[in-house]
Amino acid sequence: MSNNLLNDLLRKEPVSSQQEEAFKFQLELLKTEIDLVERSIERDESRAQNVKNFAIAAWGTSIALFVGQGDLRKFAIFTVLIPLLFWLVDAWWTKLRMGVHVRAQKIRDFVNSPNLIESFRKQEFVDFTLLDISGSQYKEDAIFIRYSRLSRIMRFKEMLYFYGGLIVFSLLLGALLFII
């Protein structure tokens, strides 16, 4: 830590011991919130991976069913619906949890802003609310609205390549089996 930043953090306005203790408690809460946000993001990633695993299982089973049954081969193109439905489900869950990701950005912005130094000076948080892990206070913010659009989420590269690849494979296989 640079000496200037350290000096800025150590220089504080006169406050009561109760306010100083409350600020220390709030700093601990901020650390806890950072940990909870990180865990929530990890759970989201695990949930997304589980949706993808289940999509592969359901899609693969349906491909095997259509290819294995001679009468159903010409309908194999309809397996395109399975990755499409899972894509929508995955994107919907991501949309519902977008507040956590926005909250992580807002915490990062606060920790790297002059408001942190001002908070240490005043021994109270300046322009920052604690314990909003789900980011509900940002629901009306432009950044939240932009990031939580379903059409934008569905274009995340991970989703686009994964589900788009399954869809393309289903289309190609369905067209091939329809021709044969």
C-alpha atoms as a PDB file:
ATOM      1  CA  MET A   1       0.000   0.000   0.000  1.00  0.00           C
ATOM      2  CA  SER A   2       1.431   3.396  -0.885  1.00  0.00           C
ATOM      3  CA  ASN A   3       2.334   5.795   1.909  1.00  0.00           C
ATOM      4  CA  ASN A   4      -0.083   8.452   0.611  1.00  0.00           C
ATOM      5  CA  LEU A   5      -3.010   6.029   0.694  1.00  0.00           C
ATOM      6  CA  LEU A   6      -1.988   4.784   4.138  1.00  0.00           C
ATOM      7  CA  ASN A   7      -1.762   8.357   5.424  1.00  0.00           C
ATOM      8  CA  ASP A   8      -5.159   9.171   3.921  1.00  0.00           C
ATOM      9  CA  LEU A   9      -6.699   6.140   5.604  1.00  0.00           C
ATOM     10  CA  LEU A  10      -5.129   6.932   8.969  1.00  0.00           C
ATOM     11  CA  ARG A  11      -6.224  10.583   8.907  1.00  0.00           C
ATOM     12  CA  LYS A  12      -9.764  10.593  10.259  1.00  0.00           C
ATOM     13  CA  GLU A  13     -12.245  13.047  11.623  1.00  0.00           C
ATOM     14  CA  PRO A  14     -12.958  13.019  15.364  1.00  0.00           C
ATOM     15  CA  VAL A  15     -15.748  10.522  16.051  1.00  0.00           C
ATOM     16  CA  SER A  16     -17.215   8.811  19.079  1.00  0.00           C
ATOM     17  CA  SER A  17     -15.908   5.426  20.139  1.00  0.00           C
ATOM     18  CA  GLN A  18     -19.349   3.956  19.359  1.00  0.00           C
ATOM     19  CA  GLN A  19     -19.162   5.235  15.796  1.00  0.00           C
ATOM     20  CA  GLU A  20     -15.634   3.901  15.458  1.00  0.00           C
ATOM     21  CA  GLU A  21     -16.748   0.473  16.718  1.00  0.00           C
ATOM     22  CA  ALA A  22     -19.787   0.543  14.431  1.00  0.00           C
ATOM     23  CA  PHE A  23     -17.515   1.309  11.482  1.00  0.00           C
ATOM     24  CA  LYS A  24     -15.224  -1.605  12.385  1.00  0.00           C
ATOM     25  CA  PHE A  25     -18.295  -3.832  12.527  1.00  0.00           C
ATOM     26  CA  GLN A  26     -19.434  -2.538   9.123  1.00  0.00           C
ATOM     27  CA  LEU A  27     -15.993  -3.275   7.673  1.00  0.00           C
ATOM     28  CA  GLU A  28     -16.329  -6.853   8.899  1.00  0.00           C
ATOM     29  CA  LEU A  29     -19.794  -6.995   7.325  1.00  0.00           C
ATOM     30  CA  LEU A  30     -18.303  -5.752   4.046  1.00  0.00           C
ATOM     31  CA  LYS A  31     -15.734  -8.559   4.162  1.00  0.00           C
ATOM     32  CA  THR A  32     -18.519 -11.038   4.855  1.00  0.00           C
ATOM     33  CA  GLU A  33     -20.619  -9.637   2.021  1.00  0.00           C
ATOM     34  CA  ILE A  34     -17.707  -9.953  -0.405  1.00  0.00           C
ATOM     35  CA  ASP A  35     -17.366 -13.601   0.626  1.00  0.00           C
ATOM     36  CA  LEU A  36     -21.115 -14.214   0.276  1.00  0.00           C
ATOM     37  CA  VAL A  37     -21.211 -12.577  -3.162  1.00  0.00           C
ATOM     38  CA  GLU A  38     -18.278 -14.727  -4.255  1.00  0.00           C
ATOM     39  CA  ARG A  39     -20.005 -17.881  -2.989  1.00  0.00           C
ATOM     40  CA  SER A  40     -23.225 -16.909  -4.718  1.00  0.00           C
ATOM     41  CA  ILE A  41     -21.387 -16.443  -8.012  1.00  0.00           C
ATOM     42  CA  GLU A  42     -19.755 -19.865  -7.543  1.00  0.00           C
ATOM     43  CA  ARG A  43     -23.200 -21.422  -6.931  1.00  0.00           C
ATOM     44  CA  ASP A  44     -24.473 -19.727 -10.096  1.00  0.00           C
ATOM     45  CA  GLU A  45     -21.611 -21.197 -12.081  1.00  0.00           C
ATOM     46  CA  SER A  46     -22.303 -24.632 -10.619  1.00  0.00           C
ATOM     47  CA  ARG A  47     -26.007 -24.293 -11.433  1.00  0.00           C
ATOM     48  CA  ALA A  48     -25.220 -23.259 -14.997  1.00  0.00           C
ATOM     49  CA  GLN A  49     -22.911 -26.252 -15.386  1.00  0.00           C
ATOM     50  CA  ASN A  50     -25.631 -28.562 -14.058  1.00  0.00           C
ATOM     51  CA  VAL A  51     -28.133 -27.163 -16.576  1.00  0.00           C
ATOM     52  CA  LYS A  52     -25.620 -27.760 -19.371  1.00  0.00           C
ATOM     53  CA  ASN A  53     -24.935 -31.316 -18.156  1.00  0.00           C
ATOM     54  CA  PHE A  54     -28.636 -32.087 -18.038  1.00  0.00           C
ATOM     55  CA  ALA A  55     -29.083 -30.515 -21.490  1.00  0.00           C
ATOM     56  CA  ILE A  56     -26.387 -32.795 -22.923  1.00  0.00           C
ATOM     57  CA  ALA A  57     -27.983 -35.845 -21.293  1.00  0.00           C
ATOM     58  CA  ALA A  58     -31.499 -35.020 -22.523  1.00  0.00           C
ATOM     59  CA  TRP A  59     -30.288 -34.001 -25.978  1.00  0.00           C
ATOM     60  CA  GLY A  60     -28.054 -37.062 -26.371  1.00  0.00           C
ATOM     61  CA  THR A  61     -30.845 -39.372 -25.238  1.00  0.00           C
ATOM     62  CA  SER A  62     -33.274 -37.844 -27.706  1.00  0.00           C
ATOM     63  CA  ILE A  63     -30.713 -38.114 -30.535  1.00  0.00           C
ATOM     64  CA  ALA A  64     -30.155 -41.789 -29.672  1.00  0.00           C
ATOM     65  CA  LEU A  65     -33.908 -42.387 -29.568  1.00  0.00           C
ATOM     66  CA  PHE A  66     -34.576 -40.785 -32.951  1.00  0.00           C
ATOM     67  CA  VAL A  67     -31.557 -42.327 -34.678  1.00  0.00           C
ATOM     68  CA  GLY A  68     -32.184 -45.766 -33.147  1.00  0.00           C
ATOM     69  CA  GLN A  69     -35.802 -45.963 -34.316  1.00  0.00           C
ATOM     70  CA  GLY A  70     -36.054 -46.289 -38.083  1.00  0.00           C
ATOM     71  CA  ASP A  71     -39.556 -44.793 -38.172  1.00  0.00           C
ATOM     72  CA  LEU A  72     -38.487 -41.744 -36.163  1.00  0.00           C
ATOM     73  CA  ARG A  73     -35.302 -40.845 -38.047  1.00  0.00           C
ATOM     74  CA  LYS A  74     -37.024 -38.289 -40.236  1.00  0.00           C
ATOM     75  CA  PHE A  75     -38.142 -36.447 -37.086  1.00  0.00           C
ATOM     76  CA  ALA A  76     -34.615 -36.175 -35.620  1.00  0.00           C
ATOM     77  CA  ILE A  77     -34.557 -32.513 -36.625  1.00  0.00           C
ATOM     78  CA  PHE A  78     -36.967 -31.843 -33.747  1.00  0.00           C
ATOM     79  CA  THR A  79     -34.137 -32.537 -31.283  1.00  0.00           C
ATOM     80  CA  VAL A  80     -33.234 -28.914 -31.984  1.00  0.00           C
ATOM     81  CA  LEU A  81     -35.968 -27.992 -29.483  1.00  0.00           C
ATOM     82  CA  ILE A  82     -34.161 -29.557 -26.513  1.00  0.00           C
ATOM     83  CA  PRO A  83     -31.038 -27.341 -26.549  1.00  0.00           C
ATOM     84  CA  LEU A  84     -33.228 -24.358 -27.379  1.00  0.00           C
ATOM     85  CA  LEU A  85     -35.365 -24.958 -24.272  1.00  0.00           C
ATOM     86  CA  PHE A  86     -32.305 -25.475 -22.061  1.00  0.00           C
ATOM     87  CA  TRP A  87     -30.737 -22.321 -23.529  1.00  0.00           C
ATOM     88  CA  LEU A  88     -33.812 -20.369 -22.469  1.00  0.00           C
ATOM     89  CA  VAL A  89     -33.798 -21.944 -18.995  1.00  0.00           C
ATOM     90  CA  ASP A  90     -30.080 -21.268 -18.510  1.00  0.00           C
ATOM     91  CA  ALA A  91     -30.476 -17.664 -19.672  1.00  0.00           C
ATOM     92  CA  TRP A  92     -33.544 -17.156 -17.446  1.00  0.00           C
ATOM     93  CA  TRP A  93     -31.695 -18.390 -14.345  1.00  0.00           C
ATOM     94  CA  THR A  94     -28.743 -16.186 -15.226  1.00  0.00           C
ATOM     95  CA  LYS A  95     -31.094 -13.214 -15.581  1.00  0.00           C
ATOM     96  CA  LEU A  96     -32.600 -13.895 -12.160  1.00  0.00           C
ATOM     97  CA  ARG A  97     -29.154 -13.927 -10.545  1.00  0.00           C
ATOM     98  CA  MET A  98     -27.662 -10.972 -12.443  1.00  0.00           C
ATOM     99  CA  GLY A  99     -28.029  -8.724  -9.384  1.00  0.00           C
ATOM    100  CA  VAL A 100     -25.247 -10.636  -7.619  1.00  0.00           C
ATOM    101  CA  HIS A 101     -22.856  -9.929 -10.490  1.00  0.00           C
ATOM    102  CA  VAL A 102     -23.813  -6.250 -10.544  1.00  0.00           C
ATOM    103  CA  ARG A 103     -23.318  -6.140  -6.764  1.00  0.00           C
ATOM    104  CA  ALA A 104     -19.812  -7.557  -7.164  1.00  0.00           C
ATOM    105  CA  GLN A 105     -19.028  -4.751  -9.634  1.00  0.00           C
ATOM    106  CA  LYS A 106     -20.465  -2.103  -7.307  1.00  0.00           C
ATOM    107  CA  ILE A 107     -18.379  -3.400  -4.385  1.00  0.00           C
ATOM    108  CA  ARG A 108     -15.279  -3.323  -6.598  1.00  0.00           C
ATOM    109  CA  ASP A 109     -16.113   0.229  -7.685  1.00  0.00           C
ATOM    110  CA  PHE A 110     -16.587   1.357  -4.063  1.00  0.00           C
ATOM    111  CA  VAL A 111     -13.383  -0.264  -2.808  1.00  0.00           C
ATOM    112  CA  ASN A 112     -11.437   1.440  -5.601  1.00  0.00           C
ATOM    113  CA  SER A 113     -13.108   4.842  -5.253  1.00  0.00           C
ATOM    114  CA  PRO A 114     -12.319   7.945  -3.197  1.00  0.00           C
ATOM    115  CA  ASN A 115     -15.452   7.107  -1.176  1.00  0.00           C
ATOM    116  CA  LEU A 116     -13.503   4.375   0.611  1.00  0.00           C
ATOM    117  CA  ILE A 117     -10.911   6.869   1.834  1.00  0.00           C
ATOM    118  CA  GLU A 118     -13.695   9.296   2.772  1.00  0.00           C
ATOM    119  CA  SER A 119     -15.434   6.483   4.659  1.00  0.00           C
ATOM    120  CA  PHE A 120     -12.314   5.829   6.718  1.00  0.00           C
ATOM    121  CA  ARG A 121     -11.986   9.534   7.405  1.00  0.00           C
ATOM    122  CA  LYS A 122     -15.590   9.843   8.596  1.00  0.00           C
ATOM    123  CA  GLN A 123     -15.684   6.347  10.119  1.00  0.00           C
ATOM    124  CA  GLU A 124     -18.927   5.601   8.248  1.00  0.00           C
ATOM    125  CA  PHE A 125     -19.675   4.343   4.774  1.00  0.00           C
ATOM    126  CA  VAL A 126     -20.087   7.107   2.213  1.00  0.00           C
ATOM    127  CA  ASP A 127     -22.548   6.397  -0.626  1.00  0.00           C
ATOM    128  CA  PHE A 128     -22.546   2.660  -0.017  1.00  0.00           C
ATOM    129  CA  THR A 129     -25.167   0.322   1.421  1.00  0.00           C
ATOM    130  CA  LEU A 130     -24.144  -2.904   3.101  1.00  0.00           C
ATOM    131  CA  LEU A 131     -25.708  -6.358   2.905  1.00  0.00           C
ATOM    132  CA  ASP A 132     -27.405  -6.288  -0.465  1.00  0.00           C
ATOM    133  CA  ILE A 133     -25.974  -9.539  -1.768  1.00  0.00           C
ATOM    134  CA  SER A 134     -28.669  -9.964  -4.416  1.00  0.00           C
ATOM    135  CA  GLY A 135     -28.152  -6.402  -5.651  1.00  0.00           C
ATOM    136  CA  SER A 136     -31.836  -5.533  -5.294  1.00  0.00           C
ATOM    137  CA  GLN A 137     -31.036  -1.833  -4.893  1.00  0.00           C
ATOM    138  CA  TYR A 138     -29.730  -1.775  -8.477  1.00  0.00           C
ATOM    139  CA  LYS A 139     -32.831  -3.181 -10.224  1.00  0.00           C
ATOM    140  CA  GLU A 140     -33.585   0.223 -11.776  1.00  0.00           C
ATOM    141  CA  ASP A 141     -29.972   1.093 -12.664  1.00  0.00           C
ATOM    142  CA  ALA A 142     -29.071   1.244 -16.345  1.00  0.00           C
ATOM    143  CA  ILE A 143     -26.214  -1.222 -15.865  1.00  0.00           C
ATOM    144  CA  PHE A 144     -28.526  -3.798 -14.277  1.00  0.00           C
ATOM    145  CA  ILE A 145     -31.190  -3.339 -16.947  1.00  0.00           C
ATOM    146  CA  ARG A 146     -28.615  -3.654 -19.731  1.00  0.00           C
ATOM    147  CA  TYR A 147     -26.898  -6.715 -18.265  1.00  0.00           C
ATOM    148  CA  SER A 148     -30.119  -8.541 -17.402  1.00  0.00           C
ATOM    149  CA  ARG A 149     -31.739  -8.414 -20.846  1.00  0.00           C
ATOM    150  CA  LEU A 150     -32.510 -11.996 -21.830  1.00  0.00           C
ATOM    151  CA  SER A 151     -31.431 -11.389 -25.429  1.00  0.00           C
ATOM    152  CA  ARG A 152     -28.033 -10.155 -24.228  1.00  0.00           C
ATOM    153  CA  ILE A 153     -27.582 -13.063 -21.836  1.00  0.00           C
ATOM    154  CA  MET A 154     -28.416 -15.575 -24.561  1.00  0.00           C
ATOM    155  CA  ARG A 155     -25.572 -14.089 -26.616  1.00  0.00           C
ATOM    156  CA  PHE A 156     -22.964 -14.807 -23.931  1.00  0.00           C
ATOM    157  CA  LYS A 157     -20.255 -16.659 -25.852  1.00  0.00           C
ATOM    158  CA  GLU A 158     -20.357 -19.680 -23.559  1.00  0.00           C
ATOM    159  CA  MET A 159     -24.096 -20.121 -24.104  1.00  0.00           C
ATOM    160  CA  LEU A 160     -24.037 -19.198 -27.770  1.00  0.00           C
ATOM    161  CA  TYR A 161     -21.309 -21.680 -28.668  1.00  0.00           C
ATOM    162  CA  PHE A 162     -22.612 -24.480 -26.443  1.00  0.00           C
ATOM    163  CA  TYR A 163     -26.331 -24.384 -27.217  1.00  0.00           C
ATOM    164  CA  GLY A 164     -25.799 -23.056 -30.734  1.00  0.00           C
ATOM    165  CA  GLY A 165     -23.453 -25.975 -31.426  1.00  0.00           C
ATOM    166  CA  LEU A 166     -26.029 -28.492 -30.226  1.00  0.00           C
ATOM    167  CA  ILE A 167     -28.683 -26.826 -32.356  1.00  0.00           C
ATOM    168  CA  VAL A 168     -26.490 -26.823 -35.473  1.00  0.00           C
ATOM    169  CA  PHE A 169     -25.619 -30.486 -34.913  1.00  0.00           C
ATOM    170  CA  SER A 170     -29.327 -31.349 -34.537  1.00  0.00           C
ATOM    171  CA  LEU A 171     -30.169 -29.438 -37.700  1.00  0.00           C
ATOM    172  CA  LEU A 172     -27.421 -31.131 -39.710  1.00  0.00           C
ATOM    173  CA  LEU A 173     -28.235 -34.595 -38.360  1.00  0.00           C
ATOM    174  CA  GLY A 174     -31.959 -34.046 -38.897  1.00  0.00           C
ATOM    175  CA  ALA A 175     -31.415 -32.877 -42.477  1.00  0.00           C
ATOM    176  CA  LEU A 176     -29.113 -35.808 -43.180  1.00  0.00           C
ATOM    177  CA  LEU A 177     -31.527 -38.365 -41.726  1.00  0.00           C
ATOM    178  CA  PHE A 178     -34.455 -36.798 -43.556  1.00  0.00           C
ATOM    179  CA  ILE A 179     -32.632 -37.119 -46.877  1.00  0.00           C
ATOM    180  CA  ILE A 180     -31.568 -40.740 -46.270  1.00  0.00           C
END
